Amino acid sequence: MAQEEIFGPVMAVMSFTSEEEAIRLANDVKYGLAAYVWTNDMKRGHRVSQAIESGMAWVNSPNVRDLRIPFGGTKYSGIGREGGHYGFDFYTEVQVVHVAVGDPPIPAFGKGEKQTALSAEQA
């Protein structure tokens, strides 16, 4: 059951003897949509939730999320994020355009001196 991505009212319960073993068991699956950590030690909760390979993690909290934050998983549990401004990244391709203002100096390679860019009339 822990190797399948099951959607529904199902909870897998596994025993472990150390924090490291719990993290290893949680990460030893090909999916990573969500993780839940229940503990009385909040430092441990933060540490374990960050060590688990999942797109979302809750510490001492049920599945409640703000729709403005990203939603999505890791590994075989999806690609990218949806929700909030993060969702635009999946549907866009970023391009950077640099434009010179004025006549910036352009180094003349091998001559050790700078030349200015030619204007349209000089070219």
PDB file of N, CA and C in Angstrom:
ATOM      1  N   MET A   1       0.822  -1.198   0.000  1.00  0.00           N
ATOM      2  CA  MET A   1       0.000   0.000   0.000  1.00  0.00           C
ATOM      3  C   MET A   1       0.860   1.252   0.000  1.00  0.00           C
ATOM      4  N   ALA A   2       2.014   1.249   0.674  1.00  0.00           N
ATOM      5  CA  ALA A   2       2.852   2.442   0.743  1.00  0.00           C
ATOM      6  C   ALA A   2       3.547   2.734  -0.584  1.00  0.00           C
ATOM      7  N   GLN A   3       3.476   1.808  -1.556  1.00  0.00           N
ATOM      8  CA  GLN A   3       4.107   2.026  -2.848  1.00  0.00           C
ATOM      9  C   GLN A   3       3.092   2.431  -3.912  1.00  0.00           C
ATOM     10  N   GLU A   4       1.884   2.711  -3.523  1.00  0.00           N
ATOM     11  CA  GLU A   4       0.845   3.156  -4.446  1.00  0.00           C
ATOM     12  C   GLU A   4       0.358   4.532  -4.031  1.00  0.00           C
ATOM     13  N   GLU A   5      -0.062   5.325  -5.021  1.00  0.00           N
ATOM     14  CA  GLU A   5      -0.609   6.652  -4.721  1.00  0.00           C
ATOM     15  C   GLU A   5      -2.120   6.512  -4.634  1.00  0.00           C
ATOM     16  N   ILE A   6      -2.607   6.357  -3.423  1.00  0.00           N
ATOM     17  CA  ILE A   6      -4.021   6.082  -3.179  1.00  0.00           C
ATOM     18  C   ILE A   6      -4.712   7.392  -2.787  1.00  0.00           C
ATOM     19  N   PHE A   7      -5.817   7.713  -3.455  1.00  0.00           N
ATOM     20  CA  PHE A   7      -6.596   8.894  -3.104  1.00  0.00           C
ATOM     21  C   PHE A   7      -7.873   8.418  -2.429  1.00  0.00           C
ATOM     22  N   GLY A   8      -8.064   8.827  -1.216  1.00  0.00           N
ATOM     23  CA  GLY A   8      -9.248   8.407  -0.480  1.00  0.00           C
ATOM     24  C   GLY A   8      -8.952   8.347   0.993  1.00  0.00           C
ATOM     25  N   PRO A   9      -9.910   7.910   1.759  1.00  0.00           N
ATOM     26  CA  PRO A   9      -9.730   7.860   3.225  1.00  0.00           C
ATOM     27  C   PRO A   9      -8.906   6.644   3.645  1.00  0.00           C
ATOM     28  N   VAL A  10      -7.607   6.669   3.341  1.00  0.00           N
ATOM     29  CA  VAL A  10      -6.717   5.557   3.663  1.00  0.00           C
ATOM     30  C   VAL A  10      -5.511   6.108   4.416  1.00  0.00           C
ATOM     31  N   MET A  11      -5.093   5.406   5.454  1.00  0.00           N
ATOM     32  CA  MET A  11      -3.892   5.802   6.190  1.00  0.00           C
ATOM     33  C   MET A  11      -3.002   4.577   6.336  1.00  0.00           C
ATOM     34  N   ALA A  12      -1.749   4.733   5.907  1.00  0.00           N
ATOM     35  CA  ALA A  12      -0.775   3.662   6.088  1.00  0.00           C
ATOM     36  C   ALA A  12      -0.083   3.892   7.428  1.00  0.00           C
ATOM     37  N   VAL A  13      -0.057   2.873   8.274  1.00  0.00           N
ATOM     38  CA  VAL A  13       0.587   2.977   9.584  1.00  0.00           C
ATOM     39  C   VAL A  13       1.759   2.001   9.599  1.00  0.00           C
ATOM     40  N   MET A  14       2.941   2.541   9.874  1.00  0.00           N
ATOM     41  CA  MET A  14       4.149   1.714   9.910  1.00  0.00           C
ATOM     42  C   MET A  14       4.902   2.052  11.184  1.00  0.00           C
ATOM     43  N   SER A  15       5.518   1.063  11.787  1.00  0.00           N
ATOM     44  CA  SER A  15       6.303   1.325  12.995  1.00  0.00           C
ATOM     45  C   SER A  15       7.742   1.644  12.608  1.00  0.00           C
ATOM     46  N   PHE A  16       8.429   2.397  13.458  1.00  0.00           N
ATOM     47  CA  PHE A  16       9.827   2.745  13.242  1.00  0.00           C
ATOM     48  C   PHE A  16      10.473   2.931  14.605  1.00  0.00           C
ATOM     49  N   THR A  17      11.782   2.877  14.651  1.00  0.00           N
ATOM     50  CA  THR A  17      12.481   2.976  15.939  1.00  0.00           C
ATOM     51  C   THR A  17      13.277   4.259  16.097  1.00  0.00           C
ATOM     52  N   SER A  18      13.476   5.014  14.996  1.00  0.00           N
ATOM     53  CA  SER A  18      14.241   6.262  15.099  1.00  0.00           C
ATOM     54  C   SER A  18      13.704   7.275  14.093  1.00  0.00           C
ATOM     55  N   GLU A  19      14.045   8.517  14.319  1.00  0.00           N
ATOM     56  CA  GLU A  19      13.665   9.582  13.395  1.00  0.00           C
ATOM     57  C   GLU A  19      14.237   9.318  12.001  1.00  0.00           C
ATOM     58  N   GLU A  20      15.482   8.876  11.955  1.00  0.00           N
ATOM     59  CA  GLU A  20      16.133   8.593  10.676  1.00  0.00           C
ATOM     60  C   GLU A  20      15.403   7.494   9.916  1.00  0.00           C
ATOM     61  N   GLU A  21      14.974   6.459  10.639  1.00  0.00           N
ATOM     62  CA  GLU A  21      14.245   5.373   9.987  1.00  0.00           C
ATOM     63  C   GLU A  21      12.898   5.862   9.472  1.00  0.00           C
ATOM     64  N   ALA A  22      12.223   6.703  10.219  1.00  0.00           N
ATOM     65  CA  ALA A  22      10.933   7.243   9.774  1.00  0.00           C
ATOM     66  C   ALA A  22      11.104   8.048   8.480  1.00  0.00           C
ATOM     67  N   ILE A  23      12.146   8.861   8.404  1.00  0.00           N
ATOM     68  CA  ILE A  23      12.414   9.650   7.199  1.00  0.00           C
ATOM     69  C   ILE A  23      12.751   8.724   6.031  1.00  0.00           C
ATOM     70  N   ARG A  24      13.575   7.705   6.288  1.00  0.00           N
ATOM     71  CA  ARG A  24      13.933   6.755   5.241  1.00  0.00           C
ATOM     72  C   ARG A  24      12.692   6.044   4.702  1.00  0.00           C
ATOM     73  N   LEU A  25      11.815   5.588   5.586  1.00  0.00           N
ATOM     74  CA  LEU A  25      10.582   4.916   5.160  1.00  0.00           C
ATOM     75  C   LEU A  25       9.695   5.863   4.349  1.00  0.00           C
ATOM     76  N   ALA A  26       9.595   7.101   4.793  1.00  0.00           N
ATOM     77  CA  ALA A  26       8.753   8.073   4.087  1.00  0.00           C
ATOM     78  C   ALA A  26       9.305   8.378   2.697  1.00  0.00           C
ATOM     79  N   ASN A  27      10.612   8.431   2.562  1.00  0.00           N
ATOM     80  CA  ASN A  27      11.229   8.772   1.280  1.00  0.00           C
ATOM     81  C   ASN A  27      11.438   7.569   0.370  1.00  0.00           C
ATOM     82  N   ASP A  28      11.208   6.366   0.878  1.00  0.00           N
ATOM     83  CA  ASP A  28      11.441   5.148   0.112  1.00  0.00           C
ATOM     84  C   ASP A  28      10.236   4.768  -0.746  1.00  0.00           C
ATOM     85  N   VAL A  29       9.633   5.754  -1.358  1.00  0.00           N
ATOM     86  CA  VAL A  29       8.518   5.542  -2.279  1.00  0.00           C
ATOM     87  C   VAL A  29       8.764   6.401  -3.514  1.00  0.00           C
ATOM     88  N   LYS A  30       8.118   6.042  -4.612  1.00  0.00           N
ATOM     89  CA  LYS A  30       8.323   6.809  -5.838  1.00  0.00           C
ATOM     90  C   LYS A  30       7.394   8.014  -5.937  1.00  0.00           C
ATOM     91  N   TYR A  31       6.542   8.203  -4.950  1.00  0.00           N
ATOM     92  CA  TYR A  31       5.606   9.328  -4.950  1.00  0.00           C
ATOM     93  C   TYR A  31       6.005  10.329  -3.872  1.00  0.00           C
ATOM     94  N   GLY A  32       5.464  11.526  -3.968  1.00  0.00           N
ATOM     95  CA  GLY A  32       5.773  12.533  -2.965  1.00  0.00           C
ATOM     96  C   GLY A  32       4.819  13.711  -3.019  1.00  0.00           C
ATOM     97  N   LEU A  33       3.525  13.456  -2.963  1.00  0.00           N
ATOM     98  CA  LEU A  33       2.566  14.557  -3.006  1.00  0.00           C
ATOM     99  C   LEU A  33       2.510  15.282  -1.666  1.00  0.00           C
ATOM    100  N   ALA A  34       2.233  14.550  -0.597  1.00  0.00           N
ATOM    101  CA  ALA A  34       2.038  15.198   0.699  1.00  0.00           C
ATOM    102  C   ALA A  34       2.602  14.345   1.824  1.00  0.00           C
ATOM    103  N   ALA A  35       2.921  15.015   2.920  1.00  0.00           N
ATOM    104  CA  ALA A  35       3.421  14.327   4.112  1.00  0.00           C
ATOM    105  C   ALA A  35       2.770  14.944   5.337  1.00  0.00           C
ATOM    106  N   TYR A  36       2.579  14.121   6.340  1.00  0.00           N
ATOM    107  CA  TYR A  36       2.025  14.578   7.613  1.00  0.00           C
ATOM    108  C   TYR A  36       2.944  14.117   8.722  1.00  0.00           C
ATOM    109  N   VAL A  37       3.262  15.007   9.628  1.00  0.00           N
ATOM    110  CA  VAL A  37       4.115  14.689  10.771  1.00  0.00           C
ATOM    111  C   VAL A  37       3.334  15.048  12.028  1.00  0.00           C
ATOM    112  N   TRP A  38       3.184  14.089  12.901  1.00  0.00           N
ATOM    113  CA  TRP A  38       2.499  14.318  14.171  1.00  0.00           C
ATOM    114  C   TRP A  38       3.514  14.101  15.292  1.00  0.00           C
ATOM    115  N   THR A  39       3.714  15.122  16.115  1.00  0.00           N
ATOM    116  CA  THR A  39       4.730  15.053  17.157  1.00  0.00           C
ATOM    117  C   THR A  39       4.426  16.059  18.267  1.00  0.00           C
ATOM    118  N   ASN A  40       4.991  15.815  19.447  1.00  0.00           N
ATOM    119  CA  ASN A  40       4.921  16.784  20.539  1.00  0.00           C
ATOM    120  C   ASN A  40       6.122  17.721  20.544  1.00  0.00           C
ATOM    121  N   ASP A  41       7.094  17.450  19.675  1.00  0.00           N
ATOM    122  CA  ASP A  41       8.338  18.217  19.613  1.00  0.00           C
ATOM    123  C   ASP A  41       8.355  19.012  18.309  1.00  0.00           C
ATOM    124  N   MET A  42       8.087  20.315  18.377  1.00  0.00           N
ATOM    125  CA  MET A  42       7.989  21.126  17.165  1.00  0.00           C
ATOM    126  C   MET A  42       9.310  21.243  16.413  1.00  0.00           C
ATOM    127  N   LYS A  43      10.440  21.236  17.116  1.00  0.00           N
ATOM    128  CA  LYS A  43      11.726  21.249  16.411  1.00  0.00           C
ATOM    129  C   LYS A  43      11.852  19.992  15.555  1.00  0.00           C
ATOM    130  N   ARG A  44      11.480  18.868  16.126  1.00  0.00           N
ATOM    131  CA  ARG A  44      11.503  17.618  15.371  1.00  0.00           C
ATOM    132  C   ARG A  44      10.511  17.683  14.210  1.00  0.00           C
ATOM    133  N   GLY A  45       9.349  18.236  14.432  1.00  0.00           N
ATOM    134  CA  GLY A  45       8.349  18.367  13.371  1.00  0.00           C
ATOM    135  C   GLY A  45       8.879  19.143  12.173  1.00  0.00           C
ATOM    136  N   HIS A  46       9.552  20.258  12.448  1.00  0.00           N
ATOM    137  CA  HIS A  46      10.146  21.054  11.360  1.00  0.00           C
ATOM    138  C   HIS A  46      11.252  20.268  10.662  1.00  0.00           C
ATOM    139  N   ARG A  47      12.101  19.650  11.434  1.00  0.00           N
ATOM    140  CA  ARG A  47      13.241  18.913  10.891  1.00  0.00           C
ATOM    141  C   ARG A  47      12.771  17.752   9.998  1.00  0.00           C
ATOM    142  N   VAL A  48      11.837  16.973  10.490  1.00  0.00           N
ATOM    143  CA  VAL A  48      11.361  15.803   9.745  1.00  0.00           C
ATOM    144  C   VAL A  48      10.570  16.229   8.509  1.00  0.00           C
ATOM    145  N   SER A  49       9.710  17.229   8.645  1.00  0.00           N
ATOM    146  CA  SER A  49       8.909  17.660   7.493  1.00  0.00           C
ATOM    147  C   SER A  49       9.798  18.192   6.375  1.00  0.00           C
ATOM    148  N   GLN A  50      10.907  18.839   6.711  1.00  0.00           N
ATOM    149  CA  GLN A  50      11.822  19.332   5.685  1.00  0.00           C
ATOM    150  C   GLN A  50      12.647  18.202   5.072  1.00  0.00           C
ATOM    151  N   ALA A  51      12.868  17.130   5.807  1.00  0.00           N
ATOM    152  CA  ALA A  51      13.663  16.005   5.307  1.00  0.00           C
ATOM    153  C   ALA A  51      12.848  15.070   4.423  1.00  0.00           C
ATOM    154  N   ILE A  52      11.536  15.107   4.548  1.00  0.00           N
ATOM    155  CA  ILE A  52      10.681  14.240   3.732  1.00  0.00           C
ATOM    156  C   ILE A  52      10.541  14.842   2.345  1.00  0.00           C
ATOM    157  N   GLU A  53      10.727  14.017   1.328  1.00  0.00           N
ATOM    158  CA  GLU A  53      10.659  14.457  -0.065  1.00  0.00           C
ATOM    159  C   GLU A  53       9.203  14.493  -0.519  1.00  0.00           C
ATOM    160  N   SER A  54       8.563  15.643  -0.308  1.00  0.00           N
ATOM    161  CA  SER A  54       7.167  15.810  -0.715  1.00  0.00           C
ATOM    162  C   SER A  54       6.944  17.257  -1.125  1.00  0.00           C
ATOM    163  N   GLY A  55       5.921  17.450  -1.933  1.00  0.00           N
ATOM    164  CA  GLY A  55       5.595  18.803  -2.368  1.00  0.00           C
ATOM    165  C   GLY A  55       4.962  19.634  -1.282  1.00  0.00           C
ATOM    166  N   MET A  56       4.277  18.984  -0.355  1.00  0.00           N
ATOM    167  CA  MET A  56       3.600  19.682   0.743  1.00  0.00           C
ATOM    168  C   MET A  56       3.768  18.855   2.010  1.00  0.00           C
ATOM    169  N   ALA A  57       3.831  19.516   3.137  1.00  0.00           N
ATOM    170  CA  ALA A  57       3.924  18.803   4.414  1.00  0.00           C
ATOM    171  C   ALA A  57       3.126  19.560   5.469  1.00  0.00           C
ATOM    172  N   TRP A  58       2.478  18.820   6.319  1.00  0.00           N
ATOM    173  CA  TRP A  58       1.734  19.390   7.436  1.00  0.00           C
ATOM    174  C   TRP A  58       2.332  18.849   8.725  1.00  0.00           C
ATOM    175  N   VAL A  59       2.455  19.690   9.715  1.00  0.00           N
ATOM    176  CA  VAL A  59       2.924  19.270  11.038  1.00  0.00           C
ATOM    177  C   VAL A  59       1.771  19.503  12.010  1.00  0.00           C
ATOM    178  N   ASN A  60       1.330  18.427  12.639  1.00  0.00           N
ATOM    179  CA  ASN A  60       0.226  18.476  13.605  1.00  0.00           C
ATOM    180  C   ASN A  60      -0.994  19.197  13.039  1.00  0.00           C
ATOM    181  N   SER A  61      -1.275  18.961  11.786  1.00  0.00           N
ATOM    182  CA  SER A  61      -2.368  19.657  11.126  1.00  0.00           C
ATOM    183  C   SER A  61      -3.001  18.736  10.096  1.00  0.00           C
ATOM    184  N   PRO A  62      -4.320  18.835   9.943  1.00  0.00           N
ATOM    185  CA  PRO A  62      -4.969  18.058   8.885  1.00  0.00           C
ATOM    186  C   PRO A  62      -4.724  18.722   7.530  1.00  0.00           C
ATOM    187  N   ASN A  63      -5.276  18.139   6.499  1.00  0.00           N
ATOM    188  CA  ASN A  63      -5.107  18.612   5.130  1.00  0.00           C
ATOM    189  C   ASN A  63      -5.896  19.904   4.910  1.00  0.00           C
ATOM    190  N   VAL A  64      -5.374  20.997   5.403  1.00  0.00           N
ATOM    191  CA  VAL A  64      -5.989  22.313   5.215  1.00  0.00           C
ATOM    192  C   VAL A  64      -4.930  23.199   4.573  1.00  0.00           C
ATOM    193  N   ARG A  65      -5.275  23.858   3.459  1.00  0.00           N
ATOM    194  CA  ARG A  65      -4.294  24.720   2.809  1.00  0.00           C
ATOM    195  C   ARG A  65      -4.968  25.970   2.257  1.00  0.00           C
ATOM    196  N   ASP A  66      -4.179  26.999   2.121  1.00  0.00           N
ATOM    197  CA  ASP A  66      -4.606  28.255   1.528  1.00  0.00           C
ATOM    198  C   ASP A  66      -4.498  28.105   0.018  1.00  0.00           C
ATOM    199  N   LEU A  67      -5.546  28.411  -0.725  1.00  0.00           N
ATOM    200  CA  LEU A  67      -5.541  28.216  -2.172  1.00  0.00           C
ATOM    201  C   LEU A  67      -4.564  29.145  -2.892  1.00  0.00           C
ATOM    202  N   ARG A  68      -4.007  30.117  -2.188  1.00  0.00           N
ATOM    203  CA  ARG A  68      -3.031  31.027  -2.817  1.00  0.00           C
ATOM    204  C   ARG A  68      -1.615  30.471  -2.791  1.00  0.00           C
ATOM    205  N   ILE A  69      -1.396  29.346  -2.125  1.00  0.00           N
ATOM    206  CA  ILE A  69      -0.055  28.770  -2.046  1.00  0.00           C
ATOM    207  C   ILE A  69       0.079  27.644  -3.074  1.00  0.00           C
ATOM    208  N   PRO A  70       1.310  27.273  -3.437  1.00  0.00           N
ATOM    209  CA  PRO A  70       1.486  26.239  -4.465  1.00  0.00           C
ATOM    210  C   PRO A  70       0.997  24.872  -4.021  1.00  0.00           C
ATOM    211  N   PHE A  71       0.478  24.126  -4.993  1.00  0.00           N
ATOM    212  CA  PHE A  71       0.015  22.759  -4.776  1.00  0.00           C
ATOM    213  C   PHE A  71       0.726  21.878  -5.788  1.00  0.00           C
ATOM    214  N   GLY A  72       1.296  20.791  -5.332  1.00  0.00           N
ATOM    215  CA  GLY A  72       1.933  19.847  -6.237  1.00  0.00           C
ATOM    216  C   GLY A  72       2.910  18.976  -5.495  1.00  0.00           C
ATOM    217  N   GLY A  73       3.314  17.910  -6.152  1.00  0.00           N
ATOM    218  CA  GLY A  73       4.181  16.943  -5.505  1.00  0.00           C
ATOM    219  C   GLY A  73       5.538  16.832  -6.156  1.00  0.00           C
ATOM    220  N   THR A  74       6.324  15.873  -5.662  1.00  0.00           N
ATOM    221  CA  THR A  74       7.642  15.590  -6.198  1.00  0.00           C
ATOM    222  C   THR A  74       7.648  14.162  -6.735  1.00  0.00           C
ATOM    223  N   LYS A  75       8.745  13.786  -7.347  1.00  0.00           N
ATOM    224  CA  LYS A  75       8.919  12.450  -7.907  1.00  0.00           C
ATOM    225  C   LYS A  75       7.803  12.156  -8.900  1.00  0.00           C
ATOM    226  N   TYR A  76       7.090  11.023  -8.760  1.00  0.00           N
ATOM    227  CA  TYR A  76       6.015  10.658  -9.680  1.00  0.00           C
ATOM    228  C   TYR A  76       4.680  11.318  -9.329  1.00  0.00           C
ATOM    229  N   SER A  77       4.671  12.189  -8.350  1.00  0.00           N
ATOM    230  CA  SER A  77       3.422  12.854  -7.950  1.00  0.00           C
ATOM    231  C   SER A  77       3.283  14.212  -8.621  1.00  0.00           C
ATOM    232  N   GLY A  78       3.462  14.239  -9.894  1.00  0.00           N
ATOM    233  CA  GLY A  78       3.212  15.462 -10.628  1.00  0.00           C
ATOM    234  C   GLY A  78       4.465  16.226 -10.996  1.00  0.00           C
ATOM    235  N   ILE A  79       4.239  17.216 -11.832  1.00  0.00           N
ATOM    236  CA  ILE A  79       5.319  18.102 -12.263  1.00  0.00           C
ATOM    237  C   ILE A  79       4.865  19.534 -12.050  1.00  0.00           C
ATOM    238  N   GLY A  80       5.769  20.370 -11.622  1.00  0.00           N
ATOM    239  CA  GLY A  80       5.432  21.772 -11.431  1.00  0.00           C
ATOM    240  C   GLY A  80       4.508  22.005 -10.260  1.00  0.00           C
ATOM    241  N   ARG A  81       4.019  23.209 -10.190  1.00  0.00           N
ATOM    242  CA  ARG A  81       3.108  23.614  -9.121  1.00  0.00           C
ATOM    243  C   ARG A  81       1.930  24.353  -9.724  1.00  0.00           C
ATOM    244  N   GLU A  82       0.802  24.227  -9.106  1.00  0.00           N
ATOM    245  CA  GLU A  82      -0.350  25.031  -9.476  1.00  0.00           C
ATOM    246  C   GLU A  82      -0.843  25.733  -8.228  1.00  0.00           C
ATOM    247  N   GLY A  83      -1.559  26.797  -8.410  1.00  0.00           N
ATOM    248  CA  GLY A  83      -2.029  27.584  -7.275  1.00  0.00           C
ATOM    249  C   GLY A  83      -1.134  28.782  -7.028  1.00  0.00           C
ATOM    250  N   GLY A  84      -1.744  29.924  -6.798  1.00  0.00           N
ATOM    251  CA  GLY A  84      -0.966  31.128  -6.573  1.00  0.00           C
ATOM    252  C   GLY A  84      -0.179  31.507  -7.809  1.00  0.00           C
ATOM    253  N   HIS A  85       0.768  32.411  -7.665  1.00  0.00           N
ATOM    254  CA  HIS A  85       1.552  32.851  -8.824  1.00  0.00           C
ATOM    255  C   HIS A  85       2.519  31.775  -9.307  1.00  0.00           C
ATOM    256  N   TYR A  86       2.777  30.740  -8.499  1.00  0.00           N
ATOM    257  CA  TYR A  86       3.664  29.650  -8.907  1.00  0.00           C
ATOM    258  C   TYR A  86       3.099  28.882 -10.103  1.00  0.00           C
ATOM    259  N   GLY A  87       1.803  28.834 -10.228  1.00  0.00           N
ATOM    260  CA  GLY A  87       1.173  28.112 -11.315  1.00  0.00           C
ATOM    261  C   GLY A  87       1.502  28.689 -12.680  1.00  0.00           C
ATOM    262  N   PHE A  88       1.782  29.977 -12.758  1.00  0.00           N
ATOM    263  CA  PHE A  88       2.111  30.577 -14.048  1.00  0.00           C
ATOM    264  C   PHE A  88       3.428  30.029 -14.598  1.00  0.00           C
ATOM    265  N   ASP A  89       4.355  29.634 -13.729  1.00  0.00           N
ATOM    266  CA  ASP A  89       5.655  29.127 -14.176  1.00  0.00           C
ATOM    267  C   ASP A  89       5.501  27.905 -15.083  1.00  0.00           C
ATOM    268  N   PHE A  90       4.502  27.072 -14.812  1.00  0.00           N
ATOM    269  CA  PHE A  90       4.305  25.861 -15.603  1.00  0.00           C
ATOM    270  C   PHE A  90       3.878  26.197 -17.028  1.00  0.00           C
ATOM    271  N   TYR A  91       3.149  27.305 -17.198  1.00  0.00           N
ATOM    272  CA  TYR A  91       2.581  27.649 -18.493  1.00  0.00           C
ATOM    273  C   TYR A  91       3.372  28.730 -19.230  1.00  0.00           C
ATOM    274  N   THR A  92       4.491  29.141 -18.693  1.00  0.00           N
ATOM    275  CA  THR A  92       5.256  30.211 -19.328  1.00  0.00           C
ATOM    276  C   THR A  92       6.698  29.789 -19.576  1.00  0.00           C
ATOM    277  N   GLU A  93       7.331  30.485 -20.483  1.00  0.00           N
ATOM    278  CA  GLU A  93       8.746  30.300 -20.766  1.00  0.00           C
ATOM    279  C   GLU A  93       9.396  31.661 -20.552  1.00  0.00           C
ATOM    280  N   VAL A  94      10.340  31.733 -19.649  1.00  0.00           N
ATOM    281  CA  VAL A  94      10.980  32.991 -19.313  1.00  0.00           C
ATOM    282  C   VAL A  94      12.019  33.346 -20.363  1.00  0.00           C
ATOM    283  N   GLN A  95      12.026  34.606 -20.795  1.00  0.00           N
ATOM    284  CA  GLN A  95      13.042  35.098 -21.722  1.00  0.00           C
ATOM    285  C   GLN A  95      13.582  36.400 -21.166  1.00  0.00           C
ATOM    286  N   VAL A  96      14.875  36.565 -21.223  1.00  0.00           N
ATOM    287  CA  VAL A  96      15.519  37.789 -20.766  1.00  0.00           C
ATOM    288  C   VAL A  96      16.008  38.545 -21.989  1.00  0.00           C
ATOM    289  N   VAL A  97      15.684  39.848 -22.082  1.00  0.00           N
ATOM    290  CA  VAL A  97      16.127  40.695 -23.185  1.00  0.00           C
ATOM    291  C   VAL A  97      16.907  41.851 -22.584  1.00  0.00           C
ATOM    292  N   HIS A  98      18.148  42.024 -23.027  1.00  0.00           N
ATOM    293  CA  HIS A  98      18.988  43.130 -22.563  1.00  0.00           C
ATOM    294  C   HIS A  98      19.027  44.186 -23.659  1.00  0.00           C
ATOM    295  N   VAL A  99      18.776  45.431 -23.302  1.00  0.00           N
ATOM    296  CA  VAL A  99      18.775  46.530 -24.258  1.00  0.00           C
ATOM    297  C   VAL A  99      19.712  47.614 -23.749  1.00  0.00           C
ATOM    298  N   ALA A 100      20.662  48.040 -24.602  1.00  0.00           N
ATOM    299  CA  ALA A 100      21.582  49.112 -24.226  1.00  0.00           C
ATOM    300  C   ALA A 100      20.884  50.459 -24.429  1.00  0.00           C
ATOM    301  N   VAL A 101      21.097  51.354 -23.491  1.00  0.00           N
ATOM    302  CA  VAL A 101      20.571  52.706 -23.595  1.00  0.00           C
ATOM    303  C   VAL A 101      21.766  53.617 -23.858  1.00  0.00           C
ATOM    304  N   GLY A 102      21.732  54.333 -24.965  1.00  0.00           N
ATOM    305  CA  GLY A 102      22.874  55.179 -25.310  1.00  0.00           C
ATOM    306  C   GLY A 102      23.901  54.373 -26.086  1.00  0.00           C
ATOM    307  N   ASP A 103      25.133  54.867 -26.112  1.00  0.00           N
ATOM    308  CA  ASP A 103      26.228  54.208 -26.811  1.00  0.00           C
ATOM    309  C   ASP A 103      27.205  53.649 -25.786  1.00  0.00           C
ATOM    310  N   PRO A 104      26.990  52.422 -25.341  1.00  0.00           N
ATOM    311  CA  PRO A 104      27.891  51.856 -24.330  1.00  0.00           C
ATOM    312  C   PRO A 104      29.242  51.533 -24.944  1.00  0.00           C
ATOM    313  N   PRO A 105      30.312  51.623 -24.158  1.00  0.00           N
ATOM    314  CA  PRO A 105      31.625  51.258 -24.696  1.00  0.00           C
ATOM    315  C   PRO A 105      31.698  49.752 -24.952  1.00  0.00           C
ATOM    316  N   ILE A 106      32.276  49.401 -26.102  1.00  0.00           N
ATOM    317  CA  ILE A 106      32.437  47.997 -26.468  1.00  0.00           C
ATOM    318  C   ILE A 106      33.933  47.738 -26.571  1.00  0.00           C
ATOM    319  N   PRO A 107      34.468  46.807 -25.790  1.00  0.00           N
ATOM    320  CA  PRO A 107      35.918  46.574 -25.845  1.00  0.00           C
ATOM    321  C   PRO A 107      36.334  45.981 -27.193  1.00  0.00           C
ATOM    322  N   ALA A 108      37.455  46.482 -27.723  1.00  0.00           N
ATOM    323  CA  ALA A 108      38.016  45.934 -28.951  1.00  0.00           C
ATOM    324  C   ALA A 108      38.976  44.835 -28.532  1.00  0.00           C
ATOM    325  N   PHE A 109      38.572  43.599 -28.694  1.00  0.00           N
ATOM    326  CA  PHE A 109      39.374  42.480 -28.226  1.00  0.00           C
ATOM    327  C   PHE A 109      40.719  42.436 -28.949  1.00  0.00           C
ATOM    328  N   GLY A 110      41.794  42.306 -28.189  1.00  0.00           N
ATOM    329  CA  GLY A 110      43.126  42.205 -28.736  1.00  0.00           C
ATOM    330  C   GLY A 110      43.828  43.534 -28.949  1.00  0.00           C
ATOM    331  N   LYS A 111      43.099  44.658 -28.809  1.00  0.00           N
ATOM    332  CA  LYS A 111      43.713  45.967 -29.033  1.00  0.00           C
ATOM    333  C   LYS A 111      43.967  46.713 -27.730  1.00  0.00           C
ATOM    334  N   GLY A 112      43.356  46.253 -26.622  1.00  0.00           N
ATOM    335  CA  GLY A 112      43.577  46.891 -25.327  1.00  0.00           C
ATOM    336  C   GLY A 112      42.932  48.249 -25.189  1.00  0.00           C
ATOM    337  N   GLU A 113      42.071  48.660 -26.098  1.00  0.00           N
ATOM    338  CA  GLU A 113      41.380  49.946 -25.979  1.00  0.00           C
ATOM    339  C   GLU A 113      39.902  49.735 -26.244  1.00  0.00           C
ATOM    340  N   LYS A 114      39.097  50.702 -25.825  1.00  0.00           N
ATOM    341  CA  LYS A 114      37.651  50.591 -25.981  1.00  0.00           C
ATOM    342  C   LYS A 114      37.193  51.400 -27.190  1.00  0.00           C
ATOM    343  N   GLN A 115      36.220  50.885 -27.895  1.00  0.00           N
ATOM    344  CA  GLN A 115      35.594  51.610 -28.985  1.00  0.00           C
ATOM    345  C   GLN A 115      34.141  51.798 -28.619  1.00  0.00           C
ATOM    346  N   THR A 116      33.520  52.835 -29.122  1.00  0.00           N
ATOM    347  CA  THR A 116      32.100  53.028 -28.861  1.00  0.00           C
ATOM    348  C   THR A 116      31.308  52.335 -29.950  1.00  0.00           C
ATOM    349  N   ALA A 117      30.075  52.019 -29.646  1.00  0.00           N
ATOM    350  CA  ALA A 117      29.221  51.355 -30.613  1.00  0.00           C
ATOM    351  C   ALA A 117      28.984  52.292 -31.791  1.00  0.00           C
ATOM    352  N   LEU A 118      28.920  51.740 -32.989  1.00  0.00           N
ATOM    353  CA  LEU A 118      28.683  52.542 -34.180  1.00  0.00           C
ATOM    354  C   LEU A 118      27.216  52.932 -34.238  1.00  0.00           C
ATOM    355  N   SER A 119      26.976  54.166 -34.620  1.00  0.00           N
ATOM    356  CA  SER A 119      25.596  54.586 -34.802  1.00  0.00           C
ATOM    357  C   SER A 119      25.083  54.016 -36.123  1.00  0.00           C
ATOM    358  N   ALA A 120      23.801  54.115 -36.381  1.00  0.00           N
ATOM    359  CA  ALA A 120      23.214  53.579 -37.607  1.00  0.00           C
ATOM    360  C   ALA A 120      23.790  54.257 -38.829  1.00  0.00           C
ATOM    361  N   GLU A 121      24.123  55.560 -38.724  1.00  0.00           N
ATOM    362  CA  GLU A 121      24.682  56.288 -39.874  1.00  0.00           C
ATOM    363  C   GLU A 121      26.100  55.819 -40.176  1.00  0.00           C
ATOM    364  N   GLN A 122      26.895  55.456 -39.163  1.00  0.00           N
ATOM    365  CA  GLN A 122      28.282  55.056 -39.359  1.00  0.00           C
ATOM    366  C   GLN A 122      28.408  53.632 -39.859  1.00  0.00           C
ATOM    367  N   ALA A 123      27.403  52.810 -39.583  1.00  0.00           N
ATOM    368  CA  ALA A 123      27.491  51.392 -39.935  1.00  0.00           C
ATOM    369  C   ALA A 123      27.288  51.133 -41.387  1.00  0.00           C
TER     370      ALA A 123
END
